[in-house]
Protein backbone atom coordinates (compact mmCIF):
# COMPACT_ATOMS: atom_id res chain seq x y z
CA MET A 1 -185.71 133.45 -37.06
CA ALA A 2 -183.96 130.12 -37.12
CA THR A 3 -181.41 129.39 -34.45
CA THR A 4 -178.20 127.46 -34.72
CA SER A 5 -176.15 125.85 -32.04
CA SER A 6 -174.05 129.02 -31.81
CA THR A 7 -177.06 131.38 -31.70
CA VAL A 8 -179.53 131.30 -28.85
CA ARG A 9 -182.77 133.18 -29.28
CA ARG A 10 -184.02 134.80 -26.11
CA ASN A 11 -187.60 135.91 -25.73
CA SER A 12 -188.31 139.15 -23.95
CA LEU A 13 -189.71 138.81 -20.46
CA ARG A 14 -191.65 142.06 -20.81
CA TYR A 15 -195.40 142.03 -21.32
CA PRO A 16 -196.01 142.67 -25.04
CA GLY A 17 -197.50 146.07 -25.77
CA TYR A 18 -197.42 147.31 -22.18
CA ASP A 19 -196.02 150.82 -21.70
CA TYR A 20 -193.72 150.43 -18.68
CA SER A 21 -193.64 154.21 -18.19
CA GLN A 22 -197.42 154.57 -17.70
CA PRO A 23 -198.87 155.04 -14.20
CA GLY A 24 -199.19 151.81 -12.27
CA ALA A 25 -197.52 149.39 -9.88
CA ILE A 26 -194.96 146.83 -11.03
CA PHE A 27 -193.54 143.96 -8.96
CA VAL A 28 -189.87 143.53 -9.86
CA THR A 29 -187.38 140.76 -9.09
CA ILE A 30 -183.69 141.19 -9.90
CA ARG A 31 -181.39 138.19 -9.34
CA THR A 32 -177.66 137.83 -9.02
CA HIS A 33 -175.92 135.70 -11.63
CA ASP A 34 -176.08 132.01 -10.68
CA ARG A 35 -177.91 133.03 -7.49
CA GLN A 36 -174.68 134.14 -5.80
CA ARG A 37 -175.42 135.07 -2.19
CA LEU A 38 -173.72 138.45 -2.12
CA PHE A 39 -176.11 140.72 -0.27
CA GLY A 40 -176.27 139.09 3.14
CA SER A 41 -177.83 136.19 4.98
CA VAL A 42 -181.09 135.34 6.68
CA VAL A 43 -180.94 134.97 10.45
CA ASN A 44 -184.03 134.33 12.59
CA GLY A 45 -186.31 135.17 9.66
CA GLU A 46 -184.64 138.57 9.09
CA VAL A 47 -182.15 139.66 6.44
CA ALA A 48 -178.73 140.61 7.80
CA LEU A 49 -177.31 142.73 4.98
CA SER A 50 -173.68 142.52 3.98
CA PRO A 51 -171.93 145.72 2.83
CA PRO A 52 -173.02 145.02 -0.78
CA GLY A 53 -176.57 144.48 0.51
CA VAL A 54 -176.45 147.83 2.30
CA ALA A 55 -175.32 149.44 -0.97
CA ALA A 56 -178.17 147.74 -2.84
CA GLU A 57 -180.66 149.06 -0.30
CA ARG A 58 -179.19 152.56 -0.57
CA TYR A 59 -179.49 152.56 -4.39
CA TRP A 60 -183.02 151.15 -4.25
CA LEU A 61 -184.08 153.94 -1.91
CA ARG A 62 -182.55 156.52 -4.27
CA ILE A 63 -184.86 155.55 -7.14
CA PRO A 64 -187.38 158.37 -6.47
CA GLU A 65 -184.54 160.91 -6.26
CA ARG A 66 -183.04 159.73 -9.54
CA PHE A 67 -186.38 159.16 -11.30
CA PRO A 68 -188.97 161.72 -10.18
CA GLY A 69 -192.44 160.32 -10.70
CA ALA A 70 -191.33 156.84 -9.62
CA MET A 71 -191.66 155.67 -6.04
CA VAL A 72 -190.60 152.56 -4.19
CA ASP A 73 -193.09 150.70 -2.05
CA SER A 74 -192.39 147.39 -0.30
CA PHE A 75 -189.02 145.88 -1.07
CA VAL A 76 -186.53 143.45 0.37
CA ILE A 77 -182.87 142.87 -0.38
CA MET A 78 -182.34 139.12 -0.12
CA PRO A 79 -178.98 137.28 -0.22
CA ASP A 80 -179.25 136.62 -3.96
CA HIS A 81 -182.06 138.83 -5.25
CA VAL A 82 -184.08 141.99 -4.81
CA HIS A 83 -187.88 142.09 -4.70
CA GLY A 84 -189.67 145.41 -4.91
CA ILE A 85 -192.81 147.21 -5.94
CA LEU A 86 -192.23 150.26 -8.13
CA LEU A 87 -195.00 152.81 -8.40
CA MET A 88 -194.80 154.59 -11.75
CA GLY A 89 -196.38 157.90 -12.73
CA THR A 90 -196.92 159.06 -9.17
CA ASP A 91 -196.65 162.76 -10.02
CA PRO A 92 -199.03 164.00 -12.74
CA ASN A 93 -196.87 167.13 -13.15
CA ILE A 94 -193.93 165.06 -14.38
CA GLU A 95 -194.08 163.92 -17.97
CA ALA A 96 -193.86 160.16 -18.41
CA GLY A 97 -190.80 158.87 -20.14
CA VAL A 98 -188.82 156.86 -17.67
CA SER A 99 -189.74 153.20 -17.62
CA VAL A 100 -189.25 150.26 -15.28
CA PRO A 101 -186.47 148.85 -17.51
CA ASP A 102 -184.71 152.24 -17.28
CA ILE A 103 -184.87 152.09 -13.48
CA VAL A 104 -183.71 148.49 -13.24
CA GLY A 105 -180.88 149.20 -15.69
CA TRP A 106 -179.73 152.18 -13.62
CA PHE A 107 -179.87 150.10 -10.41
CA LYS A 108 -177.85 147.28 -11.94
CA VAL A 109 -175.21 149.60 -13.40
CA CYS A 110 -174.79 151.52 -10.14
CA MET A 111 -174.43 148.33 -8.14
CA ARG A 112 -172.00 146.77 -10.61
CA SER A 113 -169.84 149.90 -10.65
CA THR A 114 -169.83 150.20 -6.85
CA TYR A 115 -169.18 146.50 -6.44
CA ARG A 116 -166.21 146.53 -8.84
CA LYS A 117 -164.69 149.55 -7.08
CA GLN A 118 -165.08 147.97 -3.65
CA VAL A 119 -163.49 144.71 -4.86
CA LYS A 120 -160.61 146.66 -6.45
CA ASP A 121 -160.11 148.53 -3.16
CA GLY A 122 -160.07 145.21 -1.27
CA MET A 123 -163.26 145.99 0.66
CA TRP A 124 -165.61 143.33 -0.76
CA LEU A 125 -165.14 139.78 -1.96
CA PRO A 126 -165.44 139.42 -5.74
CA TYR A 127 -168.43 137.90 -7.49
CA GLN A 128 -168.06 135.08 -10.00
CA ALA A 129 -168.29 135.80 -13.74
CA GLN A 130 -170.86 138.60 -13.52
CA LEU A 131 -172.97 140.30 -10.90
CA TRP A 132 -176.47 140.15 -12.40
CA GLN A 133 -178.59 137.64 -14.19
CA ARG A 134 -179.69 138.82 -17.63
CA SER A 135 -182.81 141.02 -17.57
CA PHE A 136 -185.28 140.91 -14.65
CA ASN A 137 -188.72 139.56 -13.82
CA ASP A 138 -191.74 141.79 -13.49
CA ARG A 139 -195.44 141.53 -12.90
CA ILE A 140 -197.93 144.28 -13.61
CA ILE A 141 -200.07 144.66 -10.49
CA ARG A 142 -203.67 144.90 -11.67
CA ASN A 143 -205.72 145.60 -8.53
CA ASP A 144 -205.61 146.30 -4.79
CA ARG A 145 -206.02 142.64 -3.83
CA GLU A 146 -203.04 141.64 -5.93
CA PHE A 147 -201.05 144.58 -4.54
CA GLU A 148 -201.68 143.38 -0.98
CA GLN A 149 -200.78 139.78 -1.86
CA ILE A 150 -197.48 140.87 -3.38
CA HIS A 151 -196.78 143.21 -0.48
CA ASP A 152 -197.31 140.31 1.94
CA TYR A 153 -195.14 138.04 -0.23
CA ILE A 154 -192.27 140.54 -0.08
CA GLU A 155 -192.60 141.02 3.68
CA ALA A 156 -192.62 137.25 4.32
CA ASN A 157 -189.77 136.47 1.92
CA PRO A 158 -186.99 136.25 4.54
CA ALA A 159 -188.95 133.81 6.72
CA ARG A 160 -189.80 131.65 3.68
CA TRP A 161 -186.15 131.72 2.63
CA GLN A 162 -185.02 130.48 6.03
CA GLU A 163 -187.66 127.72 6.09
CA ARG A 164 -186.70 126.59 2.58
CA TYR A 165 -182.95 126.44 3.22
CA GLU A 166 -183.12 125.07 6.77
CA SER A 167 -185.42 122.25 5.61
CA ARG A 168 -182.78 121.14 3.08
CA GLY A 169 -180.35 120.51 5.90
């Protein structure tokens, strides 16, 4: 498909041919639009969640309730993004059907709806333009070693964040 200056072609970030509803572990990153720092701050290597960050954590923890057969493992709500490992197909008695994009879509919609209501009620500061970046990033976790590396990456994310932003002055 040819593109013109008024049409931008976007490639899918999903792994071609992979069934995102099959059993397995997926590392997910969801970013705010333009990296807006809406969910809190990092203090002494720990995330101090803002009210929107608390809401994001609450929705993330509700994933297994909303999507039986999916579980959350390590995750962190950062000021401008969410990292998490989703375990799919954890209950063999539940028929597959829900996929990682379904879960991420639900999470984004819930957060956007809650955020808009809280802004309208004067409880939260508004975001600029839109809440979420288009789509999300994912990585299919292929083995135990990779799982542990990603788990460690998530756990160390707040400390790395603080080092990165403090070093910029």
